[in-house]
Amino acid sequence: MTGKKKGAASLLVRHCEAAGHTQPIHKVHCIIHQESLCFKSANLTDVMSVVVKVVNSILSRSLNHRQFQALTDEVNAHYGDLLYFCEVRCLSHGAMLSRVCDLQQEIATFLRQKNLPGADHFSNPQWLARLALLRYHYAPK
């Protein structure tokens, strides 16, 4: 793609120059790998572990689960429940993270009401930004 003479990017640059375009064109080598490196350098495993612990603490105890469902019904949330995380199924990462991001205010409220660990994470803007990056990484492309 980025060969010096016959790569697609070089051919595109020459074609644009021949057409009279003066705007500089920058060649980037394999954007997919750069995204993966960015994700790995962000070290988002701690974010995922907090999310899994919070979801499991809500869903694994039937009283907490019923109370969380009642809270989401009370505030007319788009979703009425969370999804379990399954380590084996890759698609469950994205679905679970998407649901957690959509219900983050309800989760924070529930954790504060029940005095459960993890409530401070859902009010931290830096942690929420890392959660959004994690959601983006696992979103279906």
C-alpha atoms as a PDB file:
ATOM      1  CA  MET A   1       0.000   0.000   0.000  1.00  0.00           C
ATOM      2  CA  THR A   2       2.739   2.491   0.865  1.00  0.00           C
ATOM      3  CA  GLY A   3       5.485   1.409  -1.523  1.00  0.00           C
ATOM      4  CA  LYS A   4       7.806   4.203  -2.607  1.00  0.00           C
ATOM      5  CA  LYS A   5       7.044   3.949  -6.349  1.00  0.00           C
ATOM      6  CA  LYS A   6       4.234   1.466  -6.993  1.00  0.00           C
ATOM      7  CA  GLY A   7       2.255   1.497  -3.741  1.00  0.00           C
ATOM      8  CA  ALA A   8      -1.347   2.646  -3.836  1.00  0.00           C
ATOM      9  CA  ALA A   9      -0.606   5.656  -1.627  1.00  0.00           C
ATOM     10  CA  SER A  10       2.298   6.771  -3.838  1.00  0.00           C
ATOM     11  CA  LEU A  11       0.200   6.390  -6.987  1.00  0.00           C
ATOM     12  CA  LEU A  12      -2.566   8.454  -5.361  1.00  0.00           C
ATOM     13  CA  VAL A  13      -0.109  11.208  -4.399  1.00  0.00           C
ATOM     14  CA  ARG A  14       1.275  11.367  -7.942  1.00  0.00           C
ATOM     15  CA  HIS A  15      -2.227  11.416  -9.421  1.00  0.00           C
ATOM     16  CA  CYS A  16      -3.277  14.269  -7.126  1.00  0.00           C
ATOM     17  CA  GLU A  17      -0.104  16.238  -7.920  1.00  0.00           C
ATOM     18  CA  ALA A  18      -0.696  15.751 -11.646  1.00  0.00           C
ATOM     19  CA  ALA A  19      -4.276  17.004 -11.210  1.00  0.00           C
ATOM     20  CA  GLY A  20      -2.946  20.184  -9.566  1.00  0.00           C
ATOM     21  CA  HIS A  21      -3.906  19.560  -5.943  1.00  0.00           C
ATOM     22  CA  THR A  22      -1.477  21.251  -3.570  1.00  0.00           C
ATOM     23  CA  GLN A  23      -2.781  19.948  -0.250  1.00  0.00           C
ATOM     24  CA  PRO A  24      -0.194  17.607   1.333  1.00  0.00           C
ATOM     25  CA  ILE A  25      -1.126  13.922   1.584  1.00  0.00           C
ATOM     26  CA  HIS A  26       0.305  11.944   4.461  1.00  0.00           C
ATOM     27  CA  LYS A  27       0.891   8.214   4.130  1.00  0.00           C
ATOM     28  CA  VAL A  28       0.002   6.038   7.114  1.00  0.00           C
ATOM     29  CA  HIS A  29       1.177   2.477   7.417  1.00  0.00           C
ATOM     30  CA  CYS A  30      -1.614   0.099   8.482  1.00  0.00           C
ATOM     31  CA  ILE A  31      -4.084   2.046  10.612  1.00  0.00           C
ATOM     32  CA  ILE A  32      -5.535  -1.172  12.093  1.00  0.00           C
ATOM     33  CA  HIS A  33      -2.296  -1.983  13.882  1.00  0.00           C
ATOM     34  CA  GLN A  34      -2.047   1.578  15.195  1.00  0.00           C
ATOM     35  CA  GLU A  35      -5.520   1.293  16.733  1.00  0.00           C
ATOM     36  CA  SER A  36      -4.571  -2.005  18.340  1.00  0.00           C
ATOM     37  CA  LEU A  37      -1.349  -0.543  19.751  1.00  0.00           C
ATOM     38  CA  CYS A  38      -3.257   2.445  21.114  1.00  0.00           C
ATOM     39  CA  PHE A  39      -5.711   0.108  22.811  1.00  0.00           C
ATOM     40  CA  LYS A  40      -2.936  -1.982  24.351  1.00  0.00           C
ATOM     41  CA  SER A  41      -1.030   1.070  25.566  1.00  0.00           C
ATOM     42  CA  ALA A  42      -4.132   2.408  27.318  1.00  0.00           C
ATOM     43  CA  ASN A  43      -4.076  -0.669  29.609  1.00  0.00           C
ATOM     44  CA  LEU A  44      -7.827  -1.026  29.842  1.00  0.00           C
ATOM     45  CA  THR A  45      -7.839  -4.375  31.639  1.00  0.00           C
ATOM     46  CA  ASP A  46      -8.493  -2.654  34.965  1.00  0.00           C
ATOM     47  CA  VAL A  47     -11.580  -0.955  33.478  1.00  0.00           C
ATOM     48  CA  MET A  48     -12.906  -4.274  32.204  1.00  0.00           C
ATOM     49  CA  SER A  49     -12.335  -5.952  35.560  1.00  0.00           C
ATOM     50  CA  VAL A  50     -14.287  -3.217  37.385  1.00  0.00           C
ATOM     51  CA  VAL A  51     -17.153  -3.475  34.890  1.00  0.00           C
ATOM     52  CA  VAL A  52     -17.300  -7.268  35.209  1.00  0.00           C
ATOM     53  CA  LYS A  53     -17.282  -7.068  39.028  1.00  0.00           C
ATOM     54  CA  VAL A  54     -20.062  -4.465  39.051  1.00  0.00           C
ATOM     55  CA  VAL A  55     -22.236  -6.363  36.578  1.00  0.00           C
ATOM     56  CA  ASN A  56     -21.715  -9.625  38.464  1.00  0.00           C
ATOM     57  CA  SER A  57     -22.506  -7.981  41.811  1.00  0.00           C
ATOM     58  CA  ILE A  58     -25.807  -6.723  40.404  1.00  0.00           C
ATOM     59  CA  LEU A  59     -26.844  -9.806  38.446  1.00  0.00           C
ATOM     60  CA  SER A  60     -25.601 -12.613  40.692  1.00  0.00           C
ATOM     61  CA  ARG A  61     -27.715 -11.620  43.714  1.00  0.00           C
ATOM     62  CA  SER A  62     -31.423 -11.919  43.008  1.00  0.00           C
ATOM     63  CA  LEU A  63     -32.427  -9.088  45.381  1.00  0.00           C
ATOM     64  CA  ASN A  64     -29.934  -6.696  43.776  1.00  0.00           C
ATOM     65  CA  HIS A  65     -31.064  -7.806  40.342  1.00  0.00           C
ATOM     66  CA  ARG A  66     -34.759  -7.195  41.079  1.00  0.00           C
ATOM     67  CA  GLN A  67     -34.007  -3.826  42.690  1.00  0.00           C
ATOM     68  CA  PHE A  68     -31.886  -2.759  39.710  1.00  0.00           C
ATOM     69  CA  GLN A  69     -34.662  -3.754  37.307  1.00  0.00           C
ATOM     70  CA  ALA A  70     -37.139  -1.754  39.403  1.00  0.00           C
ATOM     71  CA  LEU A  71     -34.801   1.264  39.271  1.00  0.00           C
ATOM     72  CA  THR A  72     -34.491   1.092  35.489  1.00  0.00           C
ATOM     73  CA  ASP A  73     -38.281   0.787  35.171  1.00  0.00           C
ATOM     74  CA  GLU A  74     -38.740   3.735  37.524  1.00  0.00           C
ATOM     75  CA  VAL A  75     -36.500   6.048  35.490  1.00  0.00           C
ATOM     76  CA  ASN A  76     -37.776   4.706  32.141  1.00  0.00           C
ATOM     77  CA  ALA A  77     -34.322   3.619  31.004  1.00  0.00           C
ATOM     78  CA  HIS A  78     -33.881   2.449  27.433  1.00  0.00           C
ATOM     79  CA  TYR A  79     -32.821  -0.993  28.696  1.00  0.00           C
ATOM     80  CA  GLY A  80     -34.355  -2.765  31.656  1.00  0.00           C
ATOM     81  CA  ASP A  81     -31.450  -5.008  32.530  1.00  0.00           C
ATOM     82  CA  LEU A  82     -27.729  -5.660  32.184  1.00  0.00           C
ATOM     83  CA  LEU A  83     -26.090  -8.476  30.247  1.00  0.00           C
ATOM     84  CA  TYR A  84     -23.741 -11.070  31.698  1.00  0.00           C
ATOM     85  CA  PHE A  85     -20.159 -11.140  30.466  1.00  0.00           C
ATOM     86  CA  CYS A  86     -18.983 -14.386  28.908  1.00  0.00           C
ATOM     87  CA  GLU A  87     -15.225 -14.790  28.501  1.00  0.00           C
ATOM     88  CA  VAL A  88     -15.650 -17.398  25.770  1.00  0.00           C
ATOM     89  CA  ARG A  89     -17.905 -15.412  23.456  1.00  0.00           C
ATOM     90  CA  CYS A  90     -16.120 -12.433  21.901  1.00  0.00           C
ATOM     91  CA  LEU A  91     -19.386 -10.729  20.962  1.00  0.00           C
ATOM     92  CA  SER A  92     -20.472 -10.593  24.599  1.00  0.00           C
ATOM     93  CA  HIS A  93     -17.722  -8.033  25.309  1.00  0.00           C
ATOM     94  CA  GLY A  94     -19.252  -5.440  23.027  1.00  0.00           C
ATOM     95  CA  ALA A  95     -22.865  -6.133  23.976  1.00  0.00           C
ATOM     96  CA  MET A  96     -22.152  -6.015  27.700  1.00  0.00           C
ATOM     97  CA  LEU A  97     -20.021  -2.864  27.467  1.00  0.00           C
ATOM     98  CA  SER A  98     -22.594  -1.138  25.285  1.00  0.00           C
ATOM     99  CA  ARG A  99     -25.337  -1.878  27.808  1.00  0.00           C
ATOM    100  CA  VAL A 100     -23.150  -0.703  30.730  1.00  0.00           C
ATOM    101  CA  CYS A 101     -22.337   2.565  28.933  1.00  0.00           C
ATOM    102  CA  ASP A 102     -26.001   3.179  28.160  1.00  0.00           C
ATOM    103  CA  LEU A 103     -27.002   2.494  31.777  1.00  0.00           C
ATOM    104  CA  GLN A 104     -24.015   4.143  33.469  1.00  0.00           C
ATOM    105  CA  GLN A 105     -26.088   6.737  35.367  1.00  0.00           C
ATOM    106  CA  GLU A 106     -28.526   4.111  36.618  1.00  0.00           C
ATOM    107  CA  ILE A 107     -25.647   1.842  37.654  1.00  0.00           C
ATOM    108  CA  ALA A 108     -23.958   4.693  39.539  1.00  0.00           C
ATOM    109  CA  THR A 109     -27.205   5.551  41.322  1.00  0.00           C
ATOM    110  CA  PHE A 110     -27.828   1.917  42.251  1.00  0.00           C
ATOM    111  CA  LEU A 111     -24.280   1.392  43.528  1.00  0.00           C
ATOM    112  CA  ARG A 112     -24.511   4.534  45.673  1.00  0.00           C
ATOM    113  CA  GLN A 113     -27.917   3.531  47.076  1.00  0.00           C
ATOM    114  CA  LYS A 114     -26.740   0.034  47.976  1.00  0.00           C
ATOM    115  CA  ASN A 115     -23.280   1.250  49.107  1.00  0.00           C
ATOM    116  CA  LEU A 116     -21.594  -1.229  46.773  1.00  0.00           C
ATOM    117  CA  PRO A 117     -17.999  -0.855  45.564  1.00  0.00           C
ATOM    118  CA  GLY A 118     -17.433   0.716  42.173  1.00  0.00           C
ATOM    119  CA  ALA A 119     -19.687   3.775  42.500  1.00  0.00           C
ATOM    120  CA  ASP A 120     -16.704   6.122  42.536  1.00  0.00           C
ATOM    121  CA  HIS A 121     -15.578   4.800  39.131  1.00  0.00           C
ATOM    122  CA  PHE A 122     -18.886   5.695  37.496  1.00  0.00           C
ATOM    123  CA  SER A 123     -18.505   9.331  38.600  1.00  0.00           C
ATOM    124  CA  ASN A 124     -14.877   9.681  37.462  1.00  0.00           C
ATOM    125  CA  PRO A 125     -14.659  11.360  34.006  1.00  0.00           C
ATOM    126  CA  GLN A 126     -11.260   9.815  33.185  1.00  0.00           C
ATOM    127  CA  TRP A 127     -12.508   6.320  34.006  1.00  0.00           C
ATOM    128  CA  LEU A 128     -15.675   6.899  31.964  1.00  0.00           C
ATOM    129  CA  ALA A 129     -13.552   8.032  29.006  1.00  0.00           C
ATOM    130  CA  ARG A 130     -11.542   4.814  29.246  1.00  0.00           C
ATOM    131  CA  LEU A 131     -14.815   2.877  29.430  1.00  0.00           C
ATOM    132  CA  ALA A 132     -15.982   4.592  26.237  1.00  0.00           C
ATOM    133  CA  LEU A 133     -12.678   3.689  24.539  1.00  0.00           C
ATOM    134  CA  LEU A 134     -13.127   0.086  25.641  1.00  0.00           C
ATOM    135  CA  ARG A 135     -16.676   0.094  24.267  1.00  0.00           C
ATOM    136  CA  TYR A 136     -15.419   1.484  20.956  1.00  0.00           C
ATOM    137  CA  HIS A 137     -12.733  -1.181  20.755  1.00  0.00           C
ATOM    138  CA  TYR A 138     -15.197  -4.038  21.182  1.00  0.00           C
ATOM    139  CA  ALA A 139     -17.967  -2.500  19.043  1.00  0.00           C
ATOM    140  CA  PRO A 140     -18.779  -4.530  15.931  1.00  0.00           C
ATOM    141  CA  LYS A 141     -17.039  -3.058  12.907  1.00  0.00           C
END
